[in-house]
Amino acid sequence: MLTAALLELHPDREAFIAKMNAALGGRAVITARADSKCGIKGTHITVLINGDEEGKPITHHHEHTSISEILQFIEGTPLPDEVRENAIAVYRLIADAESRVHSTPVENIHFHEVGSIDALADVLNVCMLMYELAPEKVICSPISVGSGSVHCAHGVIPVPAPSTEVLLRGI
């Protein structure tokens, strides 16, 4: 959703999508289309992996991925240094939160959903959009994290997920 919202602000959406698809080297294919839900217009982003849409329950999208594999993928993308550095910073924050939740060293962390190629594409898209849009200031409203529980690779977990709660402390 953040990719879609930021893409709304980009002066050349088609060129941005073409650039990101080239940078992802065919491992993910991003498309954008106008959409409307409940009378609200916006942009819908789709990330295809091997022709399958993100968010579908397809097991190869959610293999265990180590932090070193994630960092290697990011470092290998032909994007500006600042974009790669920001994407790496995102994943280091997530890895640190996962490490704390699971009481395991960062190098032993294996990502599930956030380690999938579609999640990597989302992070790289947002980092590249922020780089190209170059806002002077970023502000956000209070974060609504929801409640209840959700099914994921670890089984049923609370909402917000424990790692998300760690990331949001003090924000």
N, C-alpha and C. Protein backbone atom coordinates (compact mmCIF):
# COMPACT_ATOMS: atom_id res chain seq x y z
N MET A 1 0.82 -1.19 0.00
CA MET A 1 0.00 0.00 0.00
C MET A 1 0.87 1.26 0.00
N LEU A 2 2.01 1.19 0.69
CA LEU A 2 2.88 2.36 0.70
C LEU A 2 3.47 2.61 -0.68
N THR A 3 3.83 1.54 -1.37
CA THR A 3 4.32 1.71 -2.75
C THR A 3 3.27 2.40 -3.59
N ALA A 4 2.02 1.97 -3.50
CA ALA A 4 0.94 2.56 -4.29
C ALA A 4 0.74 4.03 -3.94
N ALA A 5 0.75 4.35 -2.65
CA ALA A 5 0.54 5.73 -2.22
C ALA A 5 1.66 6.63 -2.71
N LEU A 6 2.91 6.16 -2.58
CA LEU A 6 4.03 6.97 -3.06
C LEU A 6 4.06 7.08 -4.58
N LEU A 7 3.66 6.01 -5.25
CA LEU A 7 3.64 6.04 -6.72
C LEU A 7 2.64 7.08 -7.22
N GLU A 8 1.59 7.32 -6.45
CA GLU A 8 0.62 8.37 -6.80
C GLU A 8 1.30 9.73 -6.92
N LEU A 9 2.38 9.94 -6.20
CA LEU A 9 3.09 11.22 -6.19
C LEU A 9 4.17 11.32 -7.25
N HIS A 10 4.52 10.20 -7.87
CA HIS A 10 5.64 10.16 -8.82
C HIS A 10 5.23 10.78 -10.15
N PRO A 11 6.07 11.62 -10.73
CA PRO A 11 5.72 12.26 -12.00
C PRO A 11 5.72 11.34 -13.22
N ASP A 12 6.42 10.21 -13.16
CA ASP A 12 6.47 9.29 -14.30
C ASP A 12 6.36 7.85 -13.80
N ARG A 13 5.14 7.44 -13.53
CA ARG A 13 4.88 6.12 -12.95
C ARG A 13 5.36 4.99 -13.84
N GLU A 14 5.10 5.10 -15.13
CA GLU A 14 5.47 4.01 -16.05
C GLU A 14 6.99 3.83 -16.10
N ALA A 15 7.73 4.93 -16.13
CA ALA A 15 9.19 4.83 -16.16
C ALA A 15 9.70 4.24 -14.85
N PHE A 16 9.08 4.62 -13.73
CA PHE A 16 9.49 4.08 -12.44
C PHE A 16 9.30 2.56 -12.42
N ILE A 17 8.13 2.10 -12.85
CA ILE A 17 7.84 0.66 -12.85
C ILE A 17 8.80 -0.09 -13.77
N ALA A 18 9.07 0.47 -14.94
CA ALA A 18 10.01 -0.16 -15.87
C ALA A 18 11.40 -0.26 -15.24
N LYS A 19 11.84 0.81 -14.56
CA LYS A 19 13.16 0.83 -13.91
C LYS A 19 13.22 -0.23 -12.81
N MET A 20 12.18 -0.33 -12.00
CA MET A 20 12.19 -1.30 -10.91
C MET A 20 12.10 -2.73 -11.43
N ASN A 21 11.31 -2.96 -12.47
CA ASN A 21 11.25 -4.31 -13.04
C ASN A 21 12.61 -4.72 -13.59
N ALA A 22 13.31 -3.77 -14.21
CA ALA A 22 14.66 -4.07 -14.71
C ALA A 22 15.61 -4.36 -13.55
N ALA A 23 15.51 -3.58 -12.48
CA ALA A 23 16.39 -3.76 -11.32
C ALA A 23 16.15 -5.10 -10.64
N LEU A 24 14.90 -5.57 -10.65
CA LEU A 24 14.58 -6.85 -10.02
C LEU A 24 14.95 -8.03 -10.91
N GLY A 25 15.37 -7.75 -12.12
CA GLY A 25 15.92 -8.78 -13.00
C GLY A 25 14.99 -9.94 -13.31
N GLY A 26 13.68 -9.70 -13.34
CA GLY A 26 12.73 -10.74 -13.67
C GLY A 26 12.33 -11.61 -12.49
N ARG A 27 12.97 -11.43 -11.34
CA ARG A 27 12.59 -12.23 -10.16
C ARG A 27 11.22 -11.82 -9.64
N ALA A 28 10.83 -10.58 -9.91
CA ALA A 28 9.50 -10.08 -9.58
C ALA A 28 9.10 -9.13 -10.69
N VAL A 29 7.81 -9.09 -10.99
CA VAL A 29 7.29 -8.17 -12.00
C VAL A 29 6.20 -7.33 -11.35
N ILE A 30 6.40 -6.02 -11.39
CA ILE A 30 5.47 -5.09 -10.75
C ILE A 30 4.59 -4.45 -11.81
N THR A 31 3.31 -4.37 -11.50
CA THR A 31 2.37 -3.63 -12.35
C THR A 31 1.55 -2.71 -11.47
N ALA A 32 1.02 -1.66 -12.06
CA ALA A 32 0.16 -0.71 -11.35
C ALA A 32 -1.04 -0.43 -12.22
N ARG A 33 -2.20 -0.32 -11.57
CA ARG A 33 -3.41 0.03 -12.31
C ARG A 33 -4.31 0.87 -11.41
N ALA A 34 -5.12 1.69 -12.05
CA ALA A 34 -6.10 2.47 -11.31
C ALA A 34 -7.12 1.52 -10.71
N ASP A 35 -7.56 1.82 -9.52
CA ASP A 35 -8.51 0.96 -8.83
C ASP A 35 -9.45 1.82 -7.99
N SER A 36 -10.56 1.25 -7.60
CA SER A 36 -11.51 1.95 -6.75
C SER A 36 -12.11 0.94 -5.79
N LYS A 37 -12.08 1.27 -4.50
CA LYS A 37 -12.70 0.42 -3.49
C LYS A 37 -13.54 1.30 -2.59
N CYS A 38 -14.79 0.91 -2.43
CA CYS A 38 -15.72 1.66 -1.59
C CYS A 38 -15.80 3.12 -2.03
N GLY A 39 -15.69 3.36 -3.33
CA GLY A 39 -15.80 4.70 -3.88
C GLY A 39 -14.54 5.54 -3.77
N ILE A 40 -13.46 4.96 -3.25
CA ILE A 40 -12.20 5.69 -3.12
C ILE A 40 -11.25 5.23 -4.22
N LYS A 41 -10.78 6.19 -5.01
CA LYS A 41 -9.89 5.87 -6.12
C LYS A 41 -8.44 5.87 -5.66
N GLY A 42 -7.66 5.02 -6.28
CA GLY A 42 -6.25 4.95 -5.96
C GLY A 42 -5.53 4.07 -6.96
N THR A 43 -4.35 3.63 -6.58
CA THR A 43 -3.53 2.76 -7.42
C THR A 43 -3.40 1.42 -6.74
N HIS A 44 -3.53 0.36 -7.53
CA HIS A 44 -3.33 -1.00 -7.03
C HIS A 44 -2.04 -1.52 -7.62
N ILE A 45 -1.13 -1.94 -6.75
CA ILE A 45 0.16 -2.51 -7.18
C ILE A 45 0.05 -4.02 -7.09
N THR A 46 0.51 -4.70 -8.11
CA THR A 46 0.58 -6.15 -8.10
C THR A 46 2.04 -6.56 -8.30
N VAL A 47 2.48 -7.52 -7.49
CA VAL A 47 3.82 -8.07 -7.65
C VAL A 47 3.65 -9.53 -8.03
N LEU A 48 4.14 -9.88 -9.20
CA LEU A 48 4.06 -11.26 -9.68
C LEU A 48 5.42 -11.94 -9.52
N ILE A 49 5.36 -13.15 -8.97
CA ILE A 49 6.55 -13.99 -8.84
C ILE A 49 6.24 -15.26 -9.61
N ASN A 50 7.01 -15.52 -10.65
CA ASN A 50 6.75 -16.69 -11.51
C ASN A 50 5.29 -16.73 -11.97
N GLY A 51 4.72 -15.56 -12.24
CA GLY A 51 3.35 -15.48 -12.74
C GLY A 51 2.28 -15.54 -11.66
N ASP A 52 2.67 -15.72 -10.39
CA ASP A 52 1.72 -15.78 -9.28
C ASP A 52 1.68 -14.44 -8.57
N GLU A 53 0.49 -14.04 -8.12
CA GLU A 53 0.32 -12.76 -7.45
C GLU A 53 0.72 -12.85 -5.99
N GLU A 54 1.33 -11.76 -5.49
CA GLU A 54 1.69 -11.70 -4.08
C GLU A 54 0.47 -11.92 -3.21
N GLY A 55 0.71 -12.45 -2.01
CA GLY A 55 -0.38 -12.64 -1.06
C GLY A 55 -1.17 -13.91 -1.25
N LYS A 56 -0.97 -14.58 -2.35
CA LYS A 56 -1.65 -15.86 -2.56
C LYS A 56 -0.93 -16.93 -1.74
N PRO A 57 -1.63 -17.92 -1.24
CA PRO A 57 -0.98 -18.94 -0.41
C PRO A 57 -0.19 -19.94 -1.24
N ILE A 58 0.95 -19.51 -1.75
CA ILE A 58 1.81 -20.35 -2.57
C ILE A 58 3.10 -20.56 -1.78
N THR A 59 3.45 -21.77 -1.49
CA THR A 59 4.53 -22.05 -0.56
C THR A 59 5.88 -21.52 -1.00
N HIS A 60 6.18 -21.51 -2.31
CA HIS A 60 7.51 -21.06 -2.69
C HIS A 60 7.72 -19.57 -2.45
N HIS A 61 6.64 -18.83 -2.19
CA HIS A 61 6.79 -17.42 -1.85
C HIS A 61 7.28 -17.25 -0.42
N HIS A 62 7.12 -18.25 0.41
CA HIS A 62 7.38 -18.07 1.82
C HIS A 62 8.40 -19.07 2.35
N GLU A 63 9.44 -19.28 1.61
CA GLU A 63 10.53 -20.12 2.08
C GLU A 63 11.29 -19.34 3.16
N HIS A 64 12.07 -20.04 3.93
CA HIS A 64 12.91 -19.38 4.93
C HIS A 64 14.07 -18.72 4.22
N THR A 65 14.30 -17.44 4.51
CA THR A 65 15.37 -16.69 3.87
C THR A 65 16.22 -16.05 4.96
N SER A 66 17.51 -16.24 4.89
CA SER A 66 18.41 -15.68 5.91
C SER A 66 18.67 -14.21 5.63
N ILE A 67 19.12 -13.50 6.67
CA ILE A 67 19.46 -12.09 6.51
C ILE A 67 20.59 -11.94 5.49
N SER A 68 21.53 -12.87 5.47
CA SER A 68 22.63 -12.75 4.50
C SER A 68 22.11 -12.90 3.07
N GLU A 69 21.14 -13.78 2.84
CA GLU A 69 20.55 -13.92 1.50
C GLU A 69 19.82 -12.64 1.09
N ILE A 70 19.10 -12.05 2.03
CA ILE A 70 18.38 -10.80 1.76
C ILE A 70 19.37 -9.70 1.40
N LEU A 71 20.41 -9.55 2.20
CA LEU A 71 21.40 -8.50 1.97
C LEU A 71 22.13 -8.71 0.65
N GLN A 72 22.43 -9.96 0.33
CA GLN A 72 23.09 -10.27 -0.94
C GLN A 72 22.20 -9.87 -2.12
N PHE A 73 20.90 -10.16 -2.03
CA PHE A 73 19.97 -9.79 -3.09
C PHE A 73 19.94 -8.27 -3.25
N ILE A 74 19.80 -7.55 -2.13
CA ILE A 74 19.72 -6.08 -2.18
C ILE A 74 21.00 -5.50 -2.76
N GLU A 75 22.14 -5.98 -2.29
CA GLU A 75 23.43 -5.45 -2.76
C GLU A 75 23.63 -5.70 -4.25
N GLY A 76 22.99 -6.73 -4.79
CA GLY A 76 23.13 -7.05 -6.20
C GLY A 76 22.19 -6.30 -7.12
N THR A 77 21.30 -5.49 -6.57
CA THR A 77 20.37 -4.75 -7.43
C THR A 77 21.05 -3.51 -7.99
N PRO A 78 20.82 -3.20 -9.26
CA PRO A 78 21.44 -2.02 -9.87
C PRO A 78 20.65 -0.75 -9.54
N LEU A 79 20.64 -0.40 -8.25
CA LEU A 79 19.96 0.80 -7.78
C LEU A 79 20.98 1.71 -7.11
N PRO A 80 20.65 2.99 -6.93
CA PRO A 80 21.60 3.89 -6.29
C PRO A 80 22.02 3.39 -4.90
N ASP A 81 23.25 3.72 -4.49
CA ASP A 81 23.77 3.28 -3.20
C ASP A 81 22.82 3.63 -2.05
N GLU A 82 22.28 4.84 -2.05
CA GLU A 82 21.39 5.27 -0.97
C GLU A 82 20.15 4.38 -0.88
N VAL A 83 19.62 3.98 -2.00
CA VAL A 83 18.44 3.10 -2.01
C VAL A 83 18.79 1.75 -1.42
N ARG A 84 19.90 1.18 -1.86
CA ARG A 84 20.34 -0.11 -1.31
C ARG A 84 20.63 -0.01 0.19
N GLU A 85 21.29 1.08 0.60
CA GLU A 85 21.59 1.27 2.02
C GLU A 85 20.31 1.37 2.85
N ASN A 86 19.32 2.08 2.35
CA ASN A 86 18.05 2.21 3.08
C ASN A 86 17.31 0.88 3.15
N ALA A 87 17.31 0.12 2.07
CA ALA A 87 16.66 -1.20 2.08
C ALA A 87 17.37 -2.13 3.05
N ILE A 88 18.69 -2.07 3.08
CA ILE A 88 19.46 -2.87 4.02
C ILE A 88 19.14 -2.45 5.45
N ALA A 89 19.02 -1.15 5.69
CA ALA A 89 18.67 -0.66 7.03
C ALA A 89 17.30 -1.18 7.46
N VAL A 90 16.35 -1.22 6.54
CA VAL A 90 15.01 -1.76 6.85
C VAL A 90 15.14 -3.20 7.31
N TYR A 91 15.85 -4.01 6.54
CA TYR A 91 15.98 -5.42 6.88
C TYR A 91 16.82 -5.65 8.14
N ARG A 92 17.78 -4.78 8.41
CA ARG A 92 18.55 -4.92 9.65
C ARG A 92 17.66 -4.63 10.86
N LEU A 93 16.77 -3.64 10.74
CA LEU A 93 15.83 -3.34 11.83
C LEU A 93 14.89 -4.53 12.07
N ILE A 94 14.39 -5.09 10.98
CA ILE A 94 13.49 -6.25 11.10
C ILE A 94 14.24 -7.43 11.71
N ALA A 95 15.45 -7.66 11.24
CA ALA A 95 16.25 -8.79 11.76
C ALA A 95 16.53 -8.60 13.25
N ASP A 96 16.83 -7.37 13.66
CA ASP A 96 17.08 -7.11 15.07
C ASP A 96 15.82 -7.39 15.90
N ALA A 97 14.67 -6.94 15.42
CA ALA A 97 13.41 -7.19 16.14
C ALA A 97 13.14 -8.69 16.22
N GLU A 98 13.33 -9.41 15.11
CA GLU A 98 13.13 -10.86 15.11
C GLU A 98 14.10 -11.54 16.08
N SER A 99 15.34 -11.06 16.10
CA SER A 99 16.35 -11.61 16.99
C SER A 99 15.92 -11.46 18.45
N ARG A 100 15.40 -10.31 18.78
CA ARG A 100 14.96 -10.05 20.15
C ARG A 100 13.75 -10.92 20.52
N VAL A 101 12.79 -11.03 19.60
CA VAL A 101 11.58 -11.82 19.87
C VAL A 101 11.91 -13.30 20.03
N HIS A 102 12.81 -13.81 19.19
CA HIS A 102 13.13 -15.23 19.20
C HIS A 102 14.35 -15.57 20.06
N SER A 103 14.94 -14.55 20.70
CA SER A 103 16.13 -14.74 21.54
C SER A 103 17.21 -15.54 20.81
N THR A 104 17.50 -15.09 19.62
CA THR A 104 18.46 -15.78 18.75
C THR A 104 19.37 -14.73 18.11
N PRO A 105 20.63 -15.03 17.85
CA PRO A 105 21.50 -14.06 17.17
C PRO A 105 20.96 -13.68 15.78
N VAL A 106 21.21 -12.45 15.39
CA VAL A 106 20.71 -11.95 14.10
C VAL A 106 21.12 -12.87 12.96
N GLU A 107 22.34 -13.37 12.97
CA GLU A 107 22.81 -14.21 11.86
C GLU A 107 22.05 -15.54 11.77
N ASN A 108 21.32 -15.91 12.83
CA ASN A 108 20.52 -17.14 12.80
C ASN A 108 19.06 -16.89 12.43
N ILE A 109 18.70 -15.64 12.21
CA ILE A 109 17.31 -15.31 11.87
C ILE A 109 17.02 -15.76 10.44
N HIS A 110 15.85 -16.38 10.28
CA HIS A 110 15.35 -16.74 8.95
C HIS A 110 13.98 -16.11 8.80
N PHE A 111 13.84 -15.31 7.76
CA PHE A 111 12.58 -14.62 7.51
C PHE A 111 11.59 -15.55 6.82
N HIS A 112 10.34 -15.30 7.07
CA HIS A 112 9.27 -16.02 6.39
C HIS A 112 8.65 -15.03 5.40
N GLU A 113 7.52 -14.45 5.73
CA GLU A 113 6.82 -13.54 4.81
C GLU A 113 7.67 -12.36 4.38
N VAL A 114 8.37 -11.69 5.32
CA VAL A 114 9.16 -10.51 4.94
C VAL A 114 10.42 -10.88 4.16
N GLY A 115 10.74 -12.16 4.08
CA GLY A 115 11.89 -12.61 3.30
C GLY A 115 11.52 -13.04 1.90
N SER A 116 10.25 -12.97 1.58
CA SER A 116 9.82 -13.39 0.25
C SER A 116 10.21 -12.33 -0.78
N ILE A 117 10.30 -12.73 -2.01
CA ILE A 117 10.69 -11.82 -3.09
C ILE A 117 9.70 -10.67 -3.21
N ASP A 118 8.39 -10.94 -3.01
CA ASP A 118 7.44 -9.84 -3.14
C ASP A 118 7.64 -8.81 -2.02
N ALA A 119 8.00 -9.25 -0.82
CA ALA A 119 8.29 -8.30 0.26
C ALA A 119 9.55 -7.50 -0.06
N LEU A 120 10.59 -8.18 -0.58
CA LEU A 120 11.80 -7.48 -1.00
C LEU A 120 11.50 -6.44 -2.07
N ALA A 121 10.67 -6.81 -3.03
CA ALA A 121 10.28 -5.86 -4.08
C ALA A 121 9.58 -4.66 -3.47
N ASP A 122 8.69 -4.89 -2.51
CA ASP A 122 7.98 -3.79 -1.86
C ASP A 122 8.95 -2.86 -1.14
N VAL A 123 9.89 -3.42 -0.38
CA VAL A 123 10.85 -2.60 0.34
C VAL A 123 11.71 -1.79 -0.64
N LEU A 124 12.20 -2.43 -1.68
CA LEU A 124 13.01 -1.72 -2.68
C LEU A 124 12.21 -0.65 -3.40
N ASN A 125 10.95 -0.93 -3.71
CA ASN A 125 10.10 0.08 -4.35
C ASN A 125 9.95 1.30 -3.47
N VAL A 126 9.63 1.09 -2.20
CA VAL A 126 9.43 2.22 -1.28
C VAL A 126 10.72 3.01 -1.12
N CYS A 127 11.83 2.32 -0.95
CA CYS A 127 13.12 3.02 -0.80
C CYS A 127 13.45 3.83 -2.05
N MET A 128 13.19 3.26 -3.23
CA MET A 128 13.47 3.98 -4.48
C MET A 128 12.52 5.16 -4.66
N LEU A 129 11.26 4.97 -4.32
CA LEU A 129 10.30 6.08 -4.43
C LEU A 129 10.67 7.22 -3.49
N MET A 130 11.07 6.89 -2.26
CA MET A 130 11.49 7.95 -1.34
C MET A 130 12.74 8.66 -1.88
N TYR A 131 13.63 7.92 -2.47
CA TYR A 131 14.84 8.49 -3.06
C TYR A 131 14.47 9.44 -4.21
N GLU A 132 13.62 8.99 -5.11
CA GLU A 132 13.28 9.81 -6.27
C GLU A 132 12.36 10.99 -5.91
N LEU A 133 11.46 10.79 -4.97
CA LEU A 133 10.56 11.88 -4.57
C LEU A 133 11.28 12.89 -3.69
N ALA A 134 12.28 12.44 -2.94
CA ALA A 134 13.13 13.29 -2.09
C ALA A 134 12.32 14.28 -1.24
N PRO A 135 11.43 13.78 -0.39
CA PRO A 135 10.65 14.71 0.44
C PRO A 135 11.55 15.44 1.44
N GLU A 136 11.21 16.69 1.74
CA GLU A 136 11.97 17.45 2.72
C GLU A 136 11.67 16.96 4.13
N LYS A 137 10.46 16.46 4.33
CA LYS A 137 10.04 16.03 5.65
C LYS A 137 9.01 14.92 5.49
N VAL A 138 9.03 13.94 6.38
CA VAL A 138 8.05 12.86 6.37
C VAL A 138 7.35 12.87 7.72
N ILE A 139 6.02 12.92 7.70
CA ILE A 139 5.24 12.85 8.92
C ILE A 139 4.19 11.76 8.77
N CYS A 140 3.71 11.23 9.87
CA CYS A 140 2.64 10.26 9.78
C CYS A 140 1.73 10.39 10.98
N SER A 141 0.52 9.94 10.79
CA SER A 141 -0.46 9.95 11.87
C SER A 141 -0.13 8.82 12.84
N PRO A 142 -0.80 8.79 14.00
CA PRO A 142 -0.58 7.65 14.89
C PRO A 142 -0.85 6.34 14.15
N ILE A 143 -0.09 5.33 14.49
CA ILE A 143 -0.18 4.05 13.80
C ILE A 143 -1.23 3.17 14.45
N SER A 144 -2.17 2.71 13.65
CA SER A 144 -3.19 1.78 14.12
C SER A 144 -2.70 0.37 13.80
N VAL A 145 -2.45 -0.41 14.84
CA VAL A 145 -1.88 -1.74 14.63
C VAL A 145 -2.91 -2.85 14.61
N GLY A 146 -4.15 -2.55 14.96
CA GLY A 146 -5.18 -3.57 14.96
C GLY A 146 -5.11 -4.43 16.21
N SER A 147 -5.83 -5.54 16.17
CA SER A 147 -5.86 -6.44 17.31
C SER A 147 -6.30 -7.82 16.83
N GLY A 148 -6.32 -8.76 17.71
CA GLY A 148 -6.74 -10.11 17.36
C GLY A 148 -5.55 -11.00 17.09
N SER A 149 -5.71 -11.88 16.11
CA SER A 149 -4.64 -12.80 15.75
C SER A 149 -4.66 -13.02 14.24
N VAL A 150 -3.55 -13.57 13.74
CA VAL A 150 -3.39 -13.81 12.31
C VAL A 150 -2.63 -15.12 12.12
N HIS A 151 -2.94 -15.83 11.03
CA HIS A 151 -2.23 -17.05 10.68
C HIS A 151 -1.03 -16.68 9.81
N CYS A 152 0.14 -17.21 10.17
CA CYS A 152 1.34 -16.95 9.37
C CYS A 152 2.23 -18.19 9.43
N ALA A 153 3.45 -18.05 8.94
CA ALA A 153 4.37 -19.19 8.89
C ALA A 153 4.67 -19.76 10.28
N HIS A 154 4.56 -18.93 11.31
CA HIS A 154 4.81 -19.40 12.68
C HIS A 154 3.55 -19.95 13.33
N GLY A 155 2.45 -20.00 12.61
CA GLY A 155 1.17 -20.43 13.18
C GLY A 155 0.31 -19.23 13.48
N VAL A 156 -0.50 -19.29 14.53
CA VAL A 156 -1.36 -18.18 14.92
C VAL A 156 -0.58 -17.29 15.88
N ILE A 157 -0.48 -16.00 15.51
CA ILE A 157 0.24 -15.05 16.37
C ILE A 157 -0.65 -13.84 16.63
N PRO A 158 -0.35 -13.09 17.69
CA PRO A 158 -1.17 -11.92 18.00
C PRO A 158 -0.92 -10.78 17.02
N VAL A 159 -1.89 -9.88 16.95
CA VAL A 159 -1.76 -8.64 16.16
C VAL A 159 -1.72 -7.49 17.17
N PRO A 160 -0.68 -6.64 17.14
CA PRO A 160 0.43 -6.70 16.20
C PRO A 160 1.34 -7.90 16.48
N ALA A 161 2.01 -8.35 15.43
CA ALA A 161 2.96 -9.44 15.58
C ALA A 161 4.06 -8.99 16.56
N PRO A 162 4.62 -9.92 17.31
CA PRO A 162 5.64 -9.55 18.30
C PRO A 162 6.79 -8.70 17.73
N SER A 163 7.28 -9.03 16.55
CA SER A 163 8.37 -8.25 15.95
C SER A 163 7.90 -6.85 15.59
N THR A 164 6.66 -6.73 15.13
CA THR A 164 6.10 -5.42 14.81
C THR A 164 6.00 -4.58 16.07
N GLU A 165 5.57 -5.19 17.15
CA GLU A 165 5.47 -4.47 18.42
C GLU A 165 6.84 -3.94 18.84
N VAL A 166 7.88 -4.76 18.69
CA VAL A 166 9.24 -4.33 19.03
C VAL A 166 9.64 -3.14 18.16
N LEU A 167 9.38 -3.22 16.86
CA LEU A 167 9.74 -2.14 15.94
C LEU A 167 9.02 -0.83 16.26
N LEU A 168 7.81 -0.93 16.77
CA LEU A 168 7.00 0.28 17.02
C LEU A 168 7.21 0.89 18.41
N ARG A 169 7.99 0.25 19.26
CA ARG A 169 8.23 0.81 20.59
C ARG A 169 8.84 2.21 20.47
N GLY A 170 8.21 3.14 21.19
CA GLY A 170 8.71 4.52 21.20
C GLY A 170 8.26 5.36 20.03
N ILE A 171 7.53 4.78 19.10
CA ILE A 171 7.05 5.56 17.96
C ILE A 171 5.65 6.03 18.24
